[in-house]
Amino acid sequence: MLSLPITFTSVIGVFAPVFSRPVWQHVKVLMTGAVLAPGKRTVTAILQIMDAVQRPPFRRIIVS
């Protein structure tokens, strides 16, 4: 499970009601990666910075 600072969680938390609970877990990873990724913020770059490229929920969306 992704552990985020309280301040960041409260900022992105306004979007939580729009997503189901399982989807929200993925959204948190993608939003955090978008903040941390240097340069172009592609989905692949975001997943790489979050070290999520090989995790099962994300592995199948990466086409290389």
N, C-alpha and C. Protein backbone atom coordinates (compact mmCIF):
# COMPACT_ATOMS: atom_id res chain seq x y z
N MET A 1 0.84 -1.18 0.00
CA MET A 1 0.00 0.00 0.00
C MET A 1 0.88 1.24 0.00
N LEU A 2 0.44 2.24 -0.73
CA LEU A 2 1.17 3.48 -0.87
C LEU A 2 0.95 4.36 0.35
N SER A 3 2.04 4.80 0.96
CA SER A 3 1.97 5.68 2.12
C SER A 3 2.35 7.09 1.68
N LEU A 4 1.43 8.02 1.84
CA LEU A 4 1.66 9.39 1.39
C LEU A 4 1.59 10.37 2.55
N PRO A 5 2.29 11.51 2.42
CA PRO A 5 2.19 12.54 3.46
C PRO A 5 0.75 13.05 3.58
N ILE A 6 0.38 13.43 4.77
CA ILE A 6 -0.99 13.90 5.06
C ILE A 6 -1.38 15.08 4.16
N THR A 7 -0.46 16.01 3.97
CA THR A 7 -0.77 17.19 3.16
C THR A 7 -1.11 16.80 1.73
N PHE A 8 -0.30 15.92 1.15
CA PHE A 8 -0.54 15.48 -0.23
C PHE A 8 -1.85 14.70 -0.32
N THR A 9 -2.09 13.84 0.66
CA THR A 9 -3.32 13.05 0.68
C THR A 9 -4.55 13.95 0.75
N SER A 10 -4.48 15.02 1.54
CA SER A 10 -5.64 15.92 1.64
C SER A 10 -5.86 16.69 0.35
N VAL A 11 -4.79 17.00 -0.37
CA VAL A 11 -4.94 17.72 -1.64
C VAL A 11 -5.56 16.83 -2.70
N ILE A 12 -5.05 15.61 -2.87
CA ILE A 12 -5.59 14.74 -3.91
C ILE A 12 -6.88 14.04 -3.45
N GLY A 13 -7.13 14.06 -2.15
CA GLY A 13 -8.30 13.39 -1.59
C GLY A 13 -9.62 13.94 -2.09
N VAL A 14 -9.62 15.17 -2.61
CA VAL A 14 -10.87 15.74 -3.12
C VAL A 14 -11.39 14.96 -4.33
N PHE A 15 -10.50 14.21 -4.99
CA PHE A 15 -10.90 13.42 -6.15
C PHE A 15 -11.40 12.02 -5.79
N ALA A 16 -11.16 11.58 -4.57
CA ALA A 16 -11.49 10.22 -4.15
C ALA A 16 -12.95 9.83 -4.36
N PRO A 17 -13.93 10.71 -4.09
CA PRO A 17 -15.32 10.29 -4.26
C PRO A 17 -15.71 9.95 -5.70
N VAL A 18 -14.90 10.39 -6.65
CA VAL A 18 -15.21 10.15 -8.06
C VAL A 18 -14.86 8.72 -8.47
N PHE A 19 -13.99 8.07 -7.72
CA PHE A 19 -13.49 6.75 -8.08
C PHE A 19 -13.95 5.69 -7.08
N SER A 20 -14.05 4.46 -7.56
CA SER A 20 -14.31 3.35 -6.64
C SER A 20 -13.05 3.13 -5.80
N ARG A 21 -13.18 2.42 -4.69
CA ARG A 21 -12.04 2.21 -3.79
C ARG A 21 -10.87 1.51 -4.50
N PRO A 22 -11.09 0.43 -5.26
CA PRO A 22 -9.96 -0.22 -5.93
C PRO A 22 -9.29 0.69 -6.97
N VAL A 23 -10.09 1.43 -7.70
CA VAL A 23 -9.53 2.33 -8.72
C VAL A 23 -8.77 3.47 -8.06
N TRP A 24 -9.26 3.94 -6.93
CA TRP A 24 -8.60 5.04 -6.22
C TRP A 24 -7.17 4.67 -5.84
N GLN A 25 -6.94 3.39 -5.51
CA GLN A 25 -5.57 2.96 -5.18
C GLN A 25 -4.64 3.16 -6.38
N HIS A 26 -5.12 2.88 -7.58
CA HIS A 26 -4.32 3.07 -8.79
C HIS A 26 -4.15 4.56 -9.09
N VAL A 27 -5.20 5.32 -8.89
CA VAL A 27 -5.15 6.76 -9.15
C VAL A 27 -4.10 7.42 -8.26
N LYS A 28 -4.03 7.00 -7.00
CA LYS A 28 -3.03 7.58 -6.09
C LYS A 28 -1.61 7.32 -6.60
N VAL A 29 -1.36 6.12 -7.10
CA VAL A 29 -0.03 5.80 -7.65
C VAL A 29 0.26 6.70 -8.85
N LEU A 30 -0.71 6.82 -9.75
CA LEU A 30 -0.50 7.62 -10.96
C LEU A 30 -0.34 9.11 -10.65
N MET A 31 -1.13 9.63 -9.72
CA MET A 31 -1.03 11.06 -9.37
C MET A 31 0.29 11.36 -8.66
N THR A 32 0.72 10.47 -7.79
CA THR A 32 1.99 10.67 -7.10
C THR A 32 3.14 10.60 -8.09
N GLY A 33 3.10 9.65 -8.99
CA GLY A 33 4.13 9.54 -10.02
C GLY A 33 4.16 10.74 -10.94
N ALA A 34 3.01 11.31 -11.23
CA ALA A 34 2.96 12.50 -12.09
C ALA A 34 3.66 13.68 -11.42
N VAL A 35 3.57 13.78 -10.12
CA VAL A 35 4.25 14.84 -9.39
C VAL A 35 5.76 14.59 -9.36
N LEU A 36 6.15 13.34 -9.21
CA LEU A 36 7.56 13.00 -9.04
C LEU A 36 8.33 12.81 -10.35
N ALA A 37 7.65 12.51 -11.44
CA ALA A 37 8.33 12.18 -12.70
C ALA A 37 8.99 13.42 -13.31
N PRO A 38 10.28 13.32 -13.62
CA PRO A 38 10.95 14.44 -14.29
C PRO A 38 10.65 14.40 -15.79
N GLY A 39 10.71 15.54 -16.42
CA GLY A 39 10.51 15.61 -17.87
C GLY A 39 9.09 15.32 -18.29
N LYS A 40 8.96 14.59 -19.39
CA LYS A 40 7.64 14.25 -19.92
C LYS A 40 6.91 13.34 -18.96
N ARG A 41 5.67 13.66 -18.69
CA ARG A 41 4.89 12.86 -17.74
C ARG A 41 3.97 11.91 -18.48
N THR A 42 4.58 10.92 -19.12
CA THR A 42 3.81 9.88 -19.77
C THR A 42 3.44 8.83 -18.74
N VAL A 43 2.49 8.00 -19.06
CA VAL A 43 2.10 6.94 -18.13
C VAL A 43 3.29 6.03 -17.85
N THR A 44 4.07 5.73 -18.86
CA THR A 44 5.24 4.87 -18.66
C THR A 44 6.24 5.53 -17.73
N ALA A 45 6.52 6.80 -17.91
CA ALA A 45 7.46 7.52 -17.03
C ALA A 45 6.94 7.55 -15.60
N ILE A 46 5.64 7.75 -15.45
CA ILE A 46 5.03 7.79 -14.12
C ILE A 46 5.17 6.43 -13.44
N LEU A 47 4.88 5.37 -14.15
CA LEU A 47 4.98 4.02 -13.57
C LEU A 47 6.43 3.65 -13.26
N GLN A 48 7.35 4.10 -14.10
CA GLN A 48 8.76 3.80 -13.84
C GLN A 48 9.24 4.52 -12.58
N ILE A 49 8.88 5.77 -12.40
CA ILE A 49 9.31 6.51 -11.22
C ILE A 49 8.70 5.91 -9.96
N MET A 50 7.53 5.33 -10.09
CA MET A 50 6.86 4.71 -8.93
C MET A 50 7.25 3.24 -8.79
N ASP A 51 8.13 2.76 -9.67
CA ASP A 51 8.57 1.35 -9.66
C ASP A 51 7.37 0.41 -9.73
N ALA A 52 6.40 0.77 -10.55
CA ALA A 52 5.18 -0.03 -10.66
C ALA A 52 5.06 -0.73 -12.01
N VAL A 53 6.07 -0.62 -12.84
CA VAL A 53 5.99 -1.18 -14.19
C VAL A 53 5.75 -2.68 -14.18
N GLN A 54 6.35 -3.39 -13.24
CA GLN A 54 6.23 -4.83 -13.21
C GLN A 54 5.15 -5.35 -12.27
N ARG A 55 4.43 -4.46 -11.59
CA ARG A 55 3.36 -4.92 -10.70
C ARG A 55 2.15 -5.33 -11.54
N PRO A 56 1.47 -6.39 -11.16
CA PRO A 56 0.38 -6.94 -11.98
C PRO A 56 -0.68 -5.95 -12.47
N PRO A 57 -1.20 -5.04 -11.67
CA PRO A 57 -2.25 -4.21 -12.24
C PRO A 57 -1.76 -3.27 -13.35
N PHE A 58 -0.48 -2.95 -13.35
CA PHE A 58 0.05 -2.02 -14.34
C PHE A 58 0.82 -2.70 -15.45
N ARG A 59 1.31 -3.88 -15.21
CA ARG A 59 2.18 -4.57 -16.16
C ARG A 59 1.52 -4.73 -17.53
N ARG A 60 0.25 -5.02 -17.56
CA ARG A 60 -0.39 -5.33 -18.85
C ARG A 60 -0.71 -4.10 -19.69
N ILE A 61 -0.59 -2.88 -19.13
CA ILE A 61 -0.89 -1.69 -19.93
C ILE A 61 0.34 -1.12 -20.60
N ILE A 62 1.53 -1.61 -20.25
CA ILE A 62 2.76 -1.11 -20.83
C ILE A 62 3.08 -1.93 -22.08
N VAL A 63 3.13 -1.26 -23.21
CA VAL A 63 3.46 -1.91 -24.47
C VAL A 63 4.83 -1.42 -24.88
N SER A 64 5.82 -2.34 -24.93
CA SER A 64 7.14 -1.91 -25.33
C SER A 64 7.64 -2.69 -26.50
